[in-house]
């Protein structure tokens, strides 16, 4: 749940790759804890 869950909000709907209900959860835990930098690359196309 913590590292990059993706979900539509406010009436925006999506189809999740890795469903957790209507949300999509990451398939591998790669997030780092407080005080450590995390890097996201978000590719948005069509």
ModelCIF file with pLDDT and N, C-alpha, C, O atoms, coordinates in Angstrom:
data_MODEL
#
_entry.id   MODEL 
#
_entity.id                         1 
_entity.type                       polymer 
_entity.pdbx_number_of_molecules   1 
#
_entity_poly.entity_id                      1 
_entity_poly.type                           'polypeptide(L)' 
_entity_poly.nstd_linkage                   no 
_entity_poly.nstd_monomer                   no 
_entity_poly.pdbx_seq_one_letter_code       
;(UNK)(UNK)(UNK)(UNK)(UNK)(UNK)(UNK)(UNK)(UNK)(UNK)(UNK)(UNK)(UNK)(UNK)(UNK)(UNK)
(UNK)(UNK)(UNK)(UNK)(UNK)(UNK)(UNK)(UNK)(UNK)(UNK)(UNK)(UNK)(UNK)(UNK)(UNK)(UNK)
(UNK)(UNK)(UNK)(UNK)(UNK)(UNK)(UNK)(UNK)(UNK)(UNK)(UNK)(UNK)(UNK)(UNK)
;
_entity_poly.pdbx_seq_one_letter_code_can   XXXXXXXXXXXXXXXXXXXXXXXXXXXXXXXXXXXXXXXXXXXXXX 
_entity_poly.pdbx_strand_id                 A 
#
loop_
_entity_poly_seq.entity_id 
_entity_poly_seq.num 
_entity_poly_seq.mon_id 
_entity_poly_seq.hetero 
1 1  UNK n 
1 2  UNK n 
1 3  UNK n 
1 4  UNK n 
1 5  UNK n 
1 6  UNK n 
1 7  UNK n 
1 8  UNK n 
1 9  UNK n 
1 10 UNK n 
1 11 UNK n 
1 12 UNK n 
1 13 UNK n 
1 14 UNK n 
1 15 UNK n 
1 16 UNK n 
1 17 UNK n 
1 18 UNK n 
1 19 UNK n 
1 20 UNK n 
1 21 UNK n 
1 22 UNK n 
1 23 UNK n 
1 24 UNK n 
1 25 UNK n 
1 26 UNK n 
1 27 UNK n 
1 28 UNK n 
1 29 UNK n 
1 30 UNK n 
1 31 UNK n 
1 32 UNK n 
1 33 UNK n 
1 34 UNK n 
1 35 UNK n 
1 36 UNK n 
1 37 UNK n 
1 38 UNK n 
1 39 UNK n 
1 40 UNK n 
1 41 UNK n 
1 42 UNK n 
1 43 UNK n 
1 44 UNK n 
1 45 UNK n 
1 46 UNK n 
#
_struct_asym.id          A 
_struct_asym.entity_id   1 
#
loop_
_ma_qa_metric.id 
_ma_qa_metric.mode 
_ma_qa_metric.name 
_ma_qa_metric.software_group_id 
_ma_qa_metric.type 
1 global pLDDT . pLDDT 
2 local  pLDDT . pLDDT 
#
_ma_qa_metric_global.metric_id      1 
_ma_qa_metric_global.metric_value   95.70 
_ma_qa_metric_global.model_id       1 
_ma_qa_metric_global.ordinal_id     1 
#
loop_
_ma_qa_metric_local.label_asym_id 
_ma_qa_metric_local.label_comp_id 
_ma_qa_metric_local.label_seq_id 
_ma_qa_metric_local.metric_id 
_ma_qa_metric_local.metric_value 
_ma_qa_metric_local.model_id 
_ma_qa_metric_local.ordinal_id 
A UNK 1  2 81.00 1 1  
A UNK 2  2 83.00 1 2  
A UNK 3  2 83.00 1 3  
A UNK 4  2 93.00 1 4  
A UNK 5  2 96.00 1 5  
A UNK 6  2 98.00 1 6  
A UNK 7  2 98.00 1 7  
A UNK 8  2 98.00 1 8  
A UNK 9  2 98.00 1 9  
A UNK 10 2 97.00 1 10 
A UNK 11 2 97.00 1 11 
A UNK 12 2 98.00 1 12 
A UNK 13 2 98.00 1 13 
A UNK 14 2 98.00 1 14 
A UNK 15 2 98.00 1 15 
A UNK 16 2 98.00 1 16 
A UNK 17 2 98.00 1 17 
A UNK 18 2 96.00 1 18 
A UNK 19 2 96.00 1 19 
A UNK 20 2 93.00 1 20 
A UNK 21 2 94.00 1 21 
A UNK 22 2 96.00 1 22 
A UNK 23 2 96.00 1 23 
A UNK 24 2 97.00 1 24 
A UNK 25 2 96.00 1 25 
A UNK 26 2 96.00 1 26 
A UNK 27 2 95.00 1 27 
A UNK 28 2 94.00 1 28 
A UNK 29 2 91.00 1 29 
A UNK 30 2 94.00 1 30 
A UNK 31 2 95.00 1 31 
A UNK 32 2 96.00 1 32 
A UNK 33 2 95.00 1 33 
A UNK 34 2 96.00 1 34 
A UNK 35 2 98.00 1 35 
A UNK 36 2 98.00 1 36 
A UNK 37 2 98.00 1 37 
A UNK 38 2 98.00 1 38 
A UNK 39 2 98.00 1 39 
A UNK 40 2 98.00 1 40 
A UNK 41 2 98.00 1 41 
A UNK 42 2 98.00 1 42 
A UNK 43 2 98.00 1 43 
A UNK 44 2 98.00 1 44 
A UNK 45 2 98.00 1 45 
A UNK 46 2 98.00 1 46 
#
loop_
_atom_site.group_PDB 
_atom_site.id 
_atom_site.type_symbol 
_atom_site.label_atom_id 
_atom_site.label_alt_id 
_atom_site.label_comp_id 
_atom_site.label_asym_id 
_atom_site.label_entity_id 
_atom_site.label_seq_id 
_atom_site.pdbx_PDB_ins_code 
_atom_site.Cartn_x 
_atom_site.Cartn_y 
_atom_site.Cartn_z 
_atom_site.occupancy 
_atom_site.B_iso_or_equiv 
_atom_site.pdbx_formal_charge 
_atom_site.auth_seq_id 
_atom_site.auth_comp_id 
_atom_site.auth_asym_id 
_atom_site.auth_atom_id 
_atom_site.pdbx_PDB_model_num 
ATOM 1   N N  . UNK A 1 1  ? 0.822   -1.210 0.000   1.00 81.00 ? 1  UNK A N  1 
ATOM 2   C CA . UNK A 1 1  ? 0.000   0.000  0.000   1.00 81.00 ? 1  UNK A CA 1 
ATOM 3   C C  . UNK A 1 1  ? 0.853   1.256  0.000   1.00 81.00 ? 1  UNK A C  1 
ATOM 4   O O  . UNK A 1 1  ? 0.461   2.272  -0.575  1.00 81.00 ? 1  UNK A O  1 
ATOM 5   N N  . UNK A 1 2  ? 2.016   1.198  0.640   1.00 83.00 ? 2  UNK A N  1 
ATOM 6   C CA . UNK A 1 2  ? 2.757   2.438  0.856   1.00 83.00 ? 2  UNK A CA 1 
ATOM 7   C C  . UNK A 1 2  ? 3.612   2.850  -0.339  1.00 83.00 ? 2  UNK A C  1 
ATOM 8   O O  . UNK A 1 2  ? 3.866   4.041  -0.522  1.00 83.00 ? 2  UNK A O  1 
ATOM 9   N N  . UNK A 1 3  ? 4.048   1.926  -1.132  1.00 83.00 ? 3  UNK A N  1 
ATOM 10  C CA . UNK A 1 3  ? 5.031   2.310  -2.139  1.00 83.00 ? 3  UNK A CA 1 
ATOM 11  C C  . UNK A 1 3  ? 4.408   2.341  -3.540  1.00 83.00 ? 3  UNK A C  1 
ATOM 12  O O  . UNK A 1 3  ? 4.560   1.426  -4.349  1.00 83.00 ? 3  UNK A O  1 
ATOM 13  N N  . UNK A 1 4  ? 3.710   3.433  -3.770  1.00 93.00 ? 4  UNK A N  1 
ATOM 14  C CA . UNK A 1 4  ? 3.246   3.679  -5.125  1.00 93.00 ? 4  UNK A CA 1 
ATOM 15  C C  . UNK A 1 4  ? 1.946   3.040  -5.503  1.00 93.00 ? 4  UNK A C  1 
ATOM 16  O O  . UNK A 1 4  ? 1.782   2.622  -6.649  1.00 93.00 ? 4  UNK A O  1 
ATOM 17  N N  . UNK A 1 5  ? 0.998   2.944  -4.572  1.00 96.00 ? 5  UNK A N  1 
ATOM 18  C CA . UNK A 1 5  ? -0.317  2.483  -4.994  1.00 96.00 ? 5  UNK A CA 1 
ATOM 19  C C  . UNK A 1 5  ? -0.914  3.513  -5.949  1.00 96.00 ? 5  UNK A C  1 
ATOM 20  O O  . UNK A 1 5  ? -0.751  4.717  -5.752  1.00 96.00 ? 5  UNK A O  1 
ATOM 21  N N  . UNK A 1 6  ? -1.600  3.040  -6.976  1.00 98.00 ? 6  UNK A N  1 
ATOM 22  C CA . UNK A 1 6  ? -2.218  3.895  -8.000  1.00 98.00 ? 6  UNK A CA 1 
ATOM 23  C C  . UNK A 1 6  ? -3.721  3.692  -7.967  1.00 98.00 ? 6  UNK A C  1 
ATOM 24  O O  . UNK A 1 6  ? -4.202  2.563  -7.868  1.00 98.00 ? 6  UNK A O  1 
ATOM 25  N N  . UNK A 1 7  ? -4.471  4.806  -8.050  1.00 98.00 ? 7  UNK A N  1 
ATOM 26  C CA . UNK A 1 7  ? -5.930  4.670  -8.022  1.00 98.00 ? 7  UNK A CA 1 
ATOM 27  C C  . UNK A 1 7  ? -6.601  5.955  -8.500  1.00 98.00 ? 7  UNK A C  1 
ATOM 28  O O  . UNK A 1 7  ? -6.099  7.058  -8.285  1.00 98.00 ? 7  UNK A O  1 
ATOM 29  N N  . UNK A 1 8  ? -7.739  5.785  -9.146  1.00 98.00 ? 8  UNK A N  1 
ATOM 30  C CA . UNK A 1 8  ? -8.545  6.912  -9.557  1.00 98.00 ? 8  UNK A CA 1 
ATOM 31  C C  . UNK A 1 8  ? -9.326  7.461  -8.379  1.00 98.00 ? 8  UNK A C  1 
ATOM 32  O O  . UNK A 1 8  ? -9.776  6.703  -7.520  1.00 98.00 ? 8  UNK A O  1 
ATOM 33  N N  . UNK A 1 9  ? -9.489  8.781  -8.332  1.00 98.00 ? 9  UNK A N  1 
ATOM 34  C CA . UNK A 1 9  ? -10.228 9.431  -7.255  1.00 98.00 ? 9  UNK A CA 1 
ATOM 35  C C  . UNK A 1 9  ? -11.163 10.485 -7.844  1.00 98.00 ? 9  UNK A C  1 
ATOM 36  O O  . UNK A 1 9  ? -10.975 10.950 -8.969  1.00 98.00 ? 9  UNK A O  1 
ATOM 37  N N  . UNK A 1 10 ? -12.187 10.853 -7.048  1.00 97.00 ? 10 UNK A N  1 
ATOM 38  C CA . UNK A 1 10 ? -13.078 11.924 -7.461  1.00 97.00 ? 10 UNK A CA 1 
ATOM 39  C C  . UNK A 1 10 ? -13.906 11.609 -8.685  1.00 97.00 ? 10 UNK A C  1 
ATOM 40  O O  . UNK A 1 10 ? -14.262 12.507 -9.447  1.00 97.00 ? 10 UNK A O  1 
ATOM 41  N N  . UNK A 1 11 ? -14.216 10.327 -8.880  1.00 97.00 ? 11 UNK A N  1 
ATOM 42  C CA . UNK A 1 11 ? -15.008 9.933  -10.040 1.00 97.00 ? 11 UNK A CA 1 
ATOM 43  C C  . UNK A 1 11 ? -14.198 9.448  -11.218 1.00 97.00 ? 11 UNK A C  1 
ATOM 44  O O  . UNK A 1 11 ? -14.767 8.924  -12.176 1.00 97.00 ? 11 UNK A O  1 
ATOM 45  N N  . UNK A 1 12 ? -12.873 9.606  -11.179 1.00 98.00 ? 12 UNK A N  1 
ATOM 46  C CA . UNK A 1 12 ? -12.010 9.080  -12.242 1.00 98.00 ? 12 UNK A CA 1 
ATOM 47  C C  . UNK A 1 12 ? -11.834 7.582  -12.025 1.00 98.00 ? 12 UNK A C  1 
ATOM 48  O O  . UNK A 1 12 ? -11.476 7.151  -10.929 1.00 98.00 ? 12 UNK A O  1 
ATOM 49  N N  . UNK A 1 13 ? -12.081 6.796  -13.050 1.00 98.00 ? 13 UNK A N  1 
ATOM 50  C CA . UNK A 1 13 ? -11.968 5.344  -12.951 1.00 98.00 ? 13 UNK A CA 1 
ATOM 51  C C  . UNK A 1 13 ? -10.760 4.841  -13.725 1.00 98.00 ? 13 UNK A C  1 
ATOM 52  O O  . UNK A 1 13 ? -10.340 5.445  -14.711 1.00 98.00 ? 13 UNK A O  1 
ATOM 53  N N  . UNK A 1 14 ? -10.207 3.718  -13.259 1.00 98.00 ? 14 UNK A N  1 
ATOM 54  C CA . UNK A 1 14 ? -9.066  3.086  -13.919 1.00 98.00 ? 14 UNK A CA 1 
ATOM 55  C C  . UNK A 1 14 ? -9.219  1.572  -13.833 1.00 98.00 ? 14 UNK A C  1 
ATOM 56  O O  . UNK A 1 14 ? -10.057 1.065  -13.088 1.00 98.00 ? 14 UNK A O  1 
ATOM 57  N N  . UNK A 1 15 ? -8.403  0.859  -14.601 1.00 98.00 ? 15 UNK A N  1 
ATOM 58  C CA . UNK A 1 15 ? -8.315  -0.601 -14.500 1.00 98.00 ? 15 UNK A CA 1 
ATOM 59  C C  . UNK A 1 15 ? -6.945  -0.926 -13.896 1.00 98.00 ? 15 UNK A C  1 
ATOM 60  O O  . UNK A 1 15 ? -5.924  -0.646 -14.524 1.00 98.00 ? 15 UNK A O  1 
ATOM 61  N N  . UNK A 1 16 ? -6.899  -1.513 -12.685 1.00 98.00 ? 16 UNK A N  1 
ATOM 62  C CA . UNK A 1 16 ? -5.613  -1.767 -12.019 1.00 98.00 ? 16 UNK A CA 1 
ATOM 63  C C  . UNK A 1 16 ? -4.854  -2.938 -12.629 1.00 98.00 ? 16 UNK A C  1 
ATOM 64  O O  . UNK A 1 16 ? -5.449  -3.945 -13.012 1.00 98.00 ? 16 UNK A O  1 
ATOM 65  N N  . UNK A 1 17 ? -3.532  -2.797 -12.717 1.00 98.00 ? 17 UNK A N  1 
ATOM 66  C CA . UNK A 1 17 ? -2.685  -3.921 -13.122 1.00 98.00 ? 17 UNK A CA 1 
ATOM 67  C C  . UNK A 1 17 ? -2.650  -5.002 -12.044 1.00 98.00 ? 17 UNK A C  1 
ATOM 68  O O  . UNK A 1 17 ? -2.706  -6.196 -12.337 1.00 98.00 ? 17 UNK A O  1 
ATOM 69  N N  . UNK A 1 18 ? -2.557  -4.554 -10.787 1.00 96.00 ? 18 UNK A N  1 
ATOM 70  C CA . UNK A 1 18 ? -2.413  -5.466 -9.651  1.00 96.00 ? 18 UNK A CA 1 
ATOM 71  C C  . UNK A 1 18 ? -3.503  -5.135 -8.631  1.00 96.00 ? 18 UNK A C  1 
ATOM 72  O O  . UNK A 1 18 ? -3.239  -4.420 -7.665  1.00 96.00 ? 18 UNK A O  1 
ATOM 73  N N  . UNK A 1 19 ? -4.711  -5.639 -8.826  1.00 96.00 ? 19 UNK A N  1 
ATOM 74  C CA . UNK A 1 19 ? -5.871  -5.145 -8.079  1.00 96.00 ? 19 UNK A CA 1 
ATOM 75  C C  . UNK A 1 19 ? -5.783  -5.329 -6.564  1.00 96.00 ? 19 UNK A C  1 
ATOM 76  O O  . UNK A 1 19 ? -5.402  -6.387 -6.065  1.00 96.00 ? 19 UNK A O  1 
ATOM 77  N N  . UNK A 1 20 ? -6.142  -4.282 -5.866  1.00 93.00 ? 20 UNK A N  1 
ATOM 78  C CA . UNK A 1 20 ? -6.484  -4.303 -4.453  1.00 93.00 ? 20 UNK A CA 1 
ATOM 79  C C  . UNK A 1 20 ? -7.817  -3.567 -4.372  1.00 93.00 ? 20 UNK A C  1 
ATOM 80  O O  . UNK A 1 20 ? -7.869  -2.384 -4.038  1.00 93.00 ? 20 UNK A O  1 
ATOM 81  N N  . UNK A 1 21 ? -8.881  -4.281 -4.682  1.00 94.00 ? 21 UNK A N  1 
ATOM 82  C CA . UNK A 1 21 ? -10.152 -3.617 -4.936  1.00 94.00 ? 21 UNK A CA 1 
ATOM 83  C C  . UNK A 1 21 ? -10.054 -2.863 -6.255  1.00 94.00 ? 21 UNK A C  1 
ATOM 84  O O  . UNK A 1 21 ? -9.640  -3.426 -7.269  1.00 94.00 ? 21 UNK A O  1 
ATOM 85  N N  . UNK A 1 22 ? -10.430 -1.599 -6.241  1.00 96.00 ? 22 UNK A N  1 
ATOM 86  C CA . UNK A 1 22 ? -10.315 -0.763 -7.446  1.00 96.00 ? 22 UNK A CA 1 
ATOM 87  C C  . UNK A 1 22 ? -8.931  -0.145 -7.587  1.00 96.00 ? 22 UNK A C  1 
ATOM 88  O O  . UNK A 1 22 ? -8.630  0.488  -8.598  1.00 96.00 ? 22 UNK A O  1 
ATOM 89  N N  . UNK A 1 23 ? -8.096  -0.326 -6.577  1.00 96.00 ? 23 UNK A N  1 
ATOM 90  C CA . UNK A 1 23 ? -6.747  0.249  -6.592  1.00 96.00 ? 23 UNK A CA 1 
ATOM 91  C C  . UNK A 1 23 ? -5.740  -0.758 -7.134  1.00 96.00 ? 23 UNK A C  1 
ATOM 92  O O  . UNK A 1 23 ? -6.009  -1.956 -7.217  1.00 96.00 ? 23 UNK A O  1 
ATOM 93  N N  . UNK A 1 24 ? -4.567  -0.231 -7.501  1.00 97.00 ? 24 UNK A N  1 
ATOM 94  C CA . UNK A 1 24 ? -3.496  -1.108 -7.963  1.00 97.00 ? 24 UNK A CA 1 
ATOM 95  C C  . UNK A 1 24 ? -2.312  -0.984 -7.021  1.00 97.00 ? 24 UNK A C  1 
ATOM 96  O O  . UNK A 1 24 ? -1.831  0.122  -6.772  1.00 97.00 ? 24 UNK A O  1 
ATOM 97  N N  . UNK A 1 25 ? -1.836  -2.106 -6.496  1.00 96.00 ? 25 UNK A N  1 
ATOM 98  C CA . UNK A 1 25 ? -0.726  -2.109 -5.554  1.00 96.00 ? 25 UNK A CA 1 
ATOM 99  C C  . UNK A 1 25 ? 0.557   -2.546 -6.264  1.00 96.00 ? 25 UNK A C  1 
ATOM 100 O O  . UNK A 1 25 ? 0.514   -3.251 -7.272  1.00 96.00 ? 25 UNK A O  1 
ATOM 101 N N  . UNK A 1 26 ? 1.679   -2.123 -5.729  1.00 96.00 ? 26 UNK A N  1 
ATOM 102 C CA . UNK A 1 26 ? 2.964   -2.526 -6.285  1.00 96.00 ? 26 UNK A CA 1 
ATOM 103 C C  . UNK A 1 26 ? 3.222   -4.007 -6.017  1.00 96.00 ? 26 UNK A C  1 
ATOM 104 O O  . UNK A 1 26 ? 2.794   -4.543 -4.995  1.00 96.00 ? 26 UNK A O  1 
ATOM 105 N N  . UNK A 1 27 ? 3.912   -4.652 -6.927  1.00 95.00 ? 27 UNK A N  1 
ATOM 106 C CA . UNK A 1 27 ? 4.134   -6.096 -6.800  1.00 95.00 ? 27 UNK A CA 1 
ATOM 107 C C  . UNK A 1 27 ? 5.446   -6.418 -6.086  1.00 95.00 ? 27 UNK A C  1 
ATOM 108 O O  . UNK A 1 27 ? 5.739   -7.586 -5.827  1.00 95.00 ? 27 UNK A O  1 
ATOM 109 N N  . UNK A 1 28 ? 6.235   -5.393 -5.768  1.00 94.00 ? 28 UNK A N  1 
ATOM 110 C CA . UNK A 1 28 ? 7.473   -5.606 -5.024  1.00 94.00 ? 28 UNK A CA 1 
ATOM 111 C C  . UNK A 1 28 ? 7.716   -4.392 -4.147  1.00 94.00 ? 28 UNK A C  1 
ATOM 112 O O  . UNK A 1 28 ? 7.547   -3.259 -4.599  1.00 94.00 ? 28 UNK A O  1 
ATOM 113 N N  . UNK A 1 29 ? 8.111   -4.611 -2.900  1.00 91.00 ? 29 UNK A N  1 
ATOM 114 C CA . UNK A 1 29 ? 8.349   -3.521 -1.976  1.00 91.00 ? 29 UNK A CA 1 
ATOM 115 C C  . UNK A 1 29 ? 9.733   -2.925 -2.203  1.00 91.00 ? 29 UNK A C  1 
ATOM 116 O O  . UNK A 1 29 ? 10.744  -3.563 -1.908  1.00 91.00 ? 29 UNK A O  1 
ATOM 117 N N  . UNK A 1 30 ? 9.779   -1.703 -2.725  1.00 94.00 ? 30 UNK A N  1 
ATOM 118 C CA . UNK A 1 30 ? 11.046  -1.039 -3.004  1.00 94.00 ? 30 UNK A CA 1 
ATOM 119 C C  . UNK A 1 30 ? 11.149  0.320  -2.307  1.00 94.00 ? 30 UNK A C  1 
ATOM 120 O O  . UNK A 1 30 ? 12.145  1.024  -2.468  1.00 94.00 ? 30 UNK A O  1 
ATOM 121 N N  . UNK A 1 31 ? 10.138  0.685  -1.545  1.00 95.00 ? 31 UNK A N  1 
ATOM 122 C CA . UNK A 1 31 ? 10.101  1.993  -0.902  1.00 95.00 ? 31 UNK A CA 1 
ATOM 123 C C  . UNK A 1 31 ? 11.039  2.034  0.301   1.00 95.00 ? 31 UNK A C  1 
ATOM 124 O O  . UNK A 1 31 ? 11.178  1.041  1.016   1.00 95.00 ? 31 UNK A O  1 
ATOM 125 N N  . UNK A 1 32 ? 11.688  3.189  0.527   1.00 96.00 ? 32 UNK A N  1 
ATOM 126 C CA . UNK A 1 32 ? 12.567  3.394  1.663   1.00 96.00 ? 32 UNK A CA 1 
ATOM 127 C C  . UNK A 1 32 ? 11.863  4.246  2.712   1.00 96.00 ? 32 UNK A C  1 
ATOM 128 O O  . UNK A 1 32 ? 10.951  5.005  2.385   1.00 96.00 ? 32 UNK A O  1 
ATOM 129 N N  . UNK A 1 33 ? 12.280  4.126  3.965   1.00 95.00 ? 33 UNK A N  1 
ATOM 130 C CA . UNK A 1 33 ? 11.604  4.775  5.077   1.00 95.00 ? 33 UNK A CA 1 
ATOM 131 C C  . UNK A 1 33 ? 11.971  6.227  5.279   1.00 95.00 ? 33 UNK A C  1 
ATOM 132 O O  . UNK A 1 33 ? 12.658  6.826  4.451   1.00 95.00 ? 33 UNK A O  1 
ATOM 133 N N  . UNK A 1 34 ? 11.509  6.794  6.388   1.00 96.00 ? 34 UNK A N  1 
ATOM 134 C CA . UNK A 1 34 ? 11.653  8.230  6.659   1.00 96.00 ? 34 UNK A CA 1 
ATOM 135 C C  . UNK A 1 34 ? 13.114  8.662  6.619   1.00 96.00 ? 34 UNK A C  1 
ATOM 136 O O  . UNK A 1 34 ? 14.016  7.935  7.036   1.00 96.00 ? 34 UNK A O  1 
ATOM 137 N N  . UNK A 1 35 ? 13.312  9.866  6.104   1.00 98.00 ? 35 UNK A N  1 
ATOM 138 C CA . UNK A 1 35 ? 14.651  10.426 6.001   1.00 98.00 ? 35 UNK A CA 1 
ATOM 139 C C  . UNK A 1 35 ? 15.457  9.931  4.823   1.00 98.00 ? 35 UNK A C  1 
ATOM 140 O O  . UNK A 1 35 ? 16.592  10.367 4.629   1.00 98.00 ? 35 UNK A O  1 
ATOM 141 N N  . UNK A 1 36 ? 14.891  9.015  4.017   1.00 98.00 ? 36 UNK A N  1 
ATOM 142 C CA . UNK A 1 36 ? 15.594  8.476  2.858   1.00 98.00 ? 36 UNK A CA 1 
ATOM 143 C C  . UNK A 1 36 ? 14.860  8.862  1.573   1.00 98.00 ? 36 UNK A C  1 
ATOM 144 O O  . UNK A 1 36 ? 13.631  8.853  1.517   1.00 98.00 ? 36 UNK A O  1 
ATOM 145 N N  . UNK A 1 37 ? 15.628  9.195  0.560   1.00 98.00 ? 37 UNK A N  1 
ATOM 146 C CA . UNK A 1 37 ? 15.040  9.628  -0.700  1.00 98.00 ? 37 UNK A CA 1 
ATOM 147 C C  . UNK A 1 37 ? 14.518  8.443  -1.506  1.00 98.00 ? 37 UNK A C  1 
ATOM 148 O O  . UNK A 1 37 ? 15.184  7.416  -1.636  1.00 98.00 ? 37 UNK A O  1 
ATOM 149 N N  . UNK A 1 38 ? 13.321  8.611  -2.039  1.00 98.00 ? 38 UNK A N  1 
ATOM 150 C CA . UNK A 1 38 ? 12.734  7.661  -2.987  1.00 98.00 ? 38 UNK A CA 1 
ATOM 151 C C  . UNK A 1 38 ? 12.622  8.321  -4.357  1.00 98.00 ? 38 UNK A C  1 
ATOM 152 O O  . UNK A 1 38 ? 12.405  9.528  -4.461  1.00 98.00 ? 38 UNK A O  1 
ATOM 153 N N  . UNK A 1 39 ? 12.770  7.526  -5.390  1.00 98.00 ? 39 UNK A N  1 
ATOM 154 C CA . UNK A 1 39 ? 12.672  8.021  -6.761  1.00 98.00 ? 39 UNK A CA 1 
ATOM 155 C C  . UNK A 1 39 ? 11.500  7.372  -7.469  1.00 98.00 ? 39 UNK A C  1 
ATOM 156 O O  . UNK A 1 39 ? 11.413  6.146  -7.548  1.00 98.00 ? 39 UNK A O  1 
ATOM 157 N N  . UNK A 1 40 ? 10.599  8.194  -7.983  1.00 98.00 ? 40 UNK A N  1 
ATOM 158 C CA . UNK A 1 40 ? 9.487   7.731  -8.806  1.00 98.00 ? 40 UNK A CA 1 
ATOM 159 C C  . UNK A 1 40 ? 9.699   8.188  -10.245 1.00 98.00 ? 40 UNK A C  1 
ATOM 160 O O  . UNK A 1 40 ? 10.046  9.342  -10.501 1.00 98.00 ? 40 UNK A O  1 
ATOM 161 N N  . UNK A 1 41 ? 9.486   7.274  -11.170 1.00 98.00 ? 41 UNK A N  1 
ATOM 162 C CA . UNK A 1 41 ? 9.337   7.618  -12.583 1.00 98.00 ? 41 UNK A CA 1 
ATOM 163 C C  . UNK A 1 41 ? 7.917   7.227  -12.962 1.00 98.00 ? 41 UNK A C  1 
ATOM 164 O O  . UNK A 1 41 ? 7.555   6.052  -12.909 1.00 98.00 ? 41 UNK A O  1 
ATOM 165 N N  . UNK A 1 42 ? 7.116   8.213  -13.345 1.00 98.00 ? 42 UNK A N  1 
ATOM 166 C CA . UNK A 1 42 ? 5.708   8.004  -13.641 1.00 98.00 ? 42 UNK A CA 1 
ATOM 167 C C  . UNK A 1 42 ? 5.503   8.244  -15.136 1.00 98.00 ? 42 UNK A C  1 
ATOM 168 O O  . UNK A 1 42 ? 5.602   9.378  -15.604 1.00 98.00 ? 42 UNK A O  1 
ATOM 169 N N  . UNK A 1 43 ? 5.220   7.182  -15.879 1.00 98.00 ? 43 UNK A N  1 
ATOM 170 C CA . UNK A 1 43 ? 5.035   7.275  -17.331 1.00 98.00 ? 43 UNK A CA 1 
ATOM 171 C C  . UNK A 1 43 ? 3.530   7.261  -17.616 1.00 98.00 ? 43 UNK A C  1 
ATOM 172 O O  . UNK A 1 43 ? 2.840   6.282  -17.333 1.00 98.00 ? 43 UNK A O  1 
ATOM 173 N N  . UNK A 1 44 ? 3.045   8.354  -18.177 1.00 98.00 ? 44 UNK A N  1 
ATOM 174 C CA . UNK A 1 44 ? 1.606   8.526  -18.428 1.00 98.00 ? 44 UNK A CA 1 
ATOM 175 C C  . UNK A 1 44 ? 1.372   8.676  -19.926 1.00 98.00 ? 44 UNK A C  1 
ATOM 176 O O  . UNK A 1 44 ? 1.789   9.670  -20.521 1.00 98.00 ? 44 UNK A O  1 
ATOM 177 N N  . UNK A 1 45 ? 0.710   7.697  -20.542 1.00 98.00 ? 45 UNK A N  1 
ATOM 178 C CA . UNK A 1 45 ? 0.478   7.712  -21.986 1.00 98.00 ? 45 UNK A CA 1 
ATOM 179 C C  . UNK A 1 45 ? -0.906  7.164  -22.296 1.00 98.00 ? 45 UNK A C  1 
ATOM 180 O O  . UNK A 1 45 ? -1.198  6.003  -22.009 1.00 98.00 ? 45 UNK A O  1 
ATOM 181 N N  . UNK A 1 46 ? -1.756  7.997  -22.882 1.00 98.00 ? 46 UNK A N  1 
ATOM 182 C CA . UNK A 1 46 ? -3.042  7.541  -23.416 1.00 98.00 ? 46 UNK A CA 1 
ATOM 183 C C  . UNK A 1 46 ? -3.872  6.751  -22.407 1.00 98.00 ? 46 UNK A C  1 
ATOM 184 O O  . UNK A 1 46 ? -4.975  6.310  -22.726 1.00 98.00 ? 46 UNK A O  1 
#
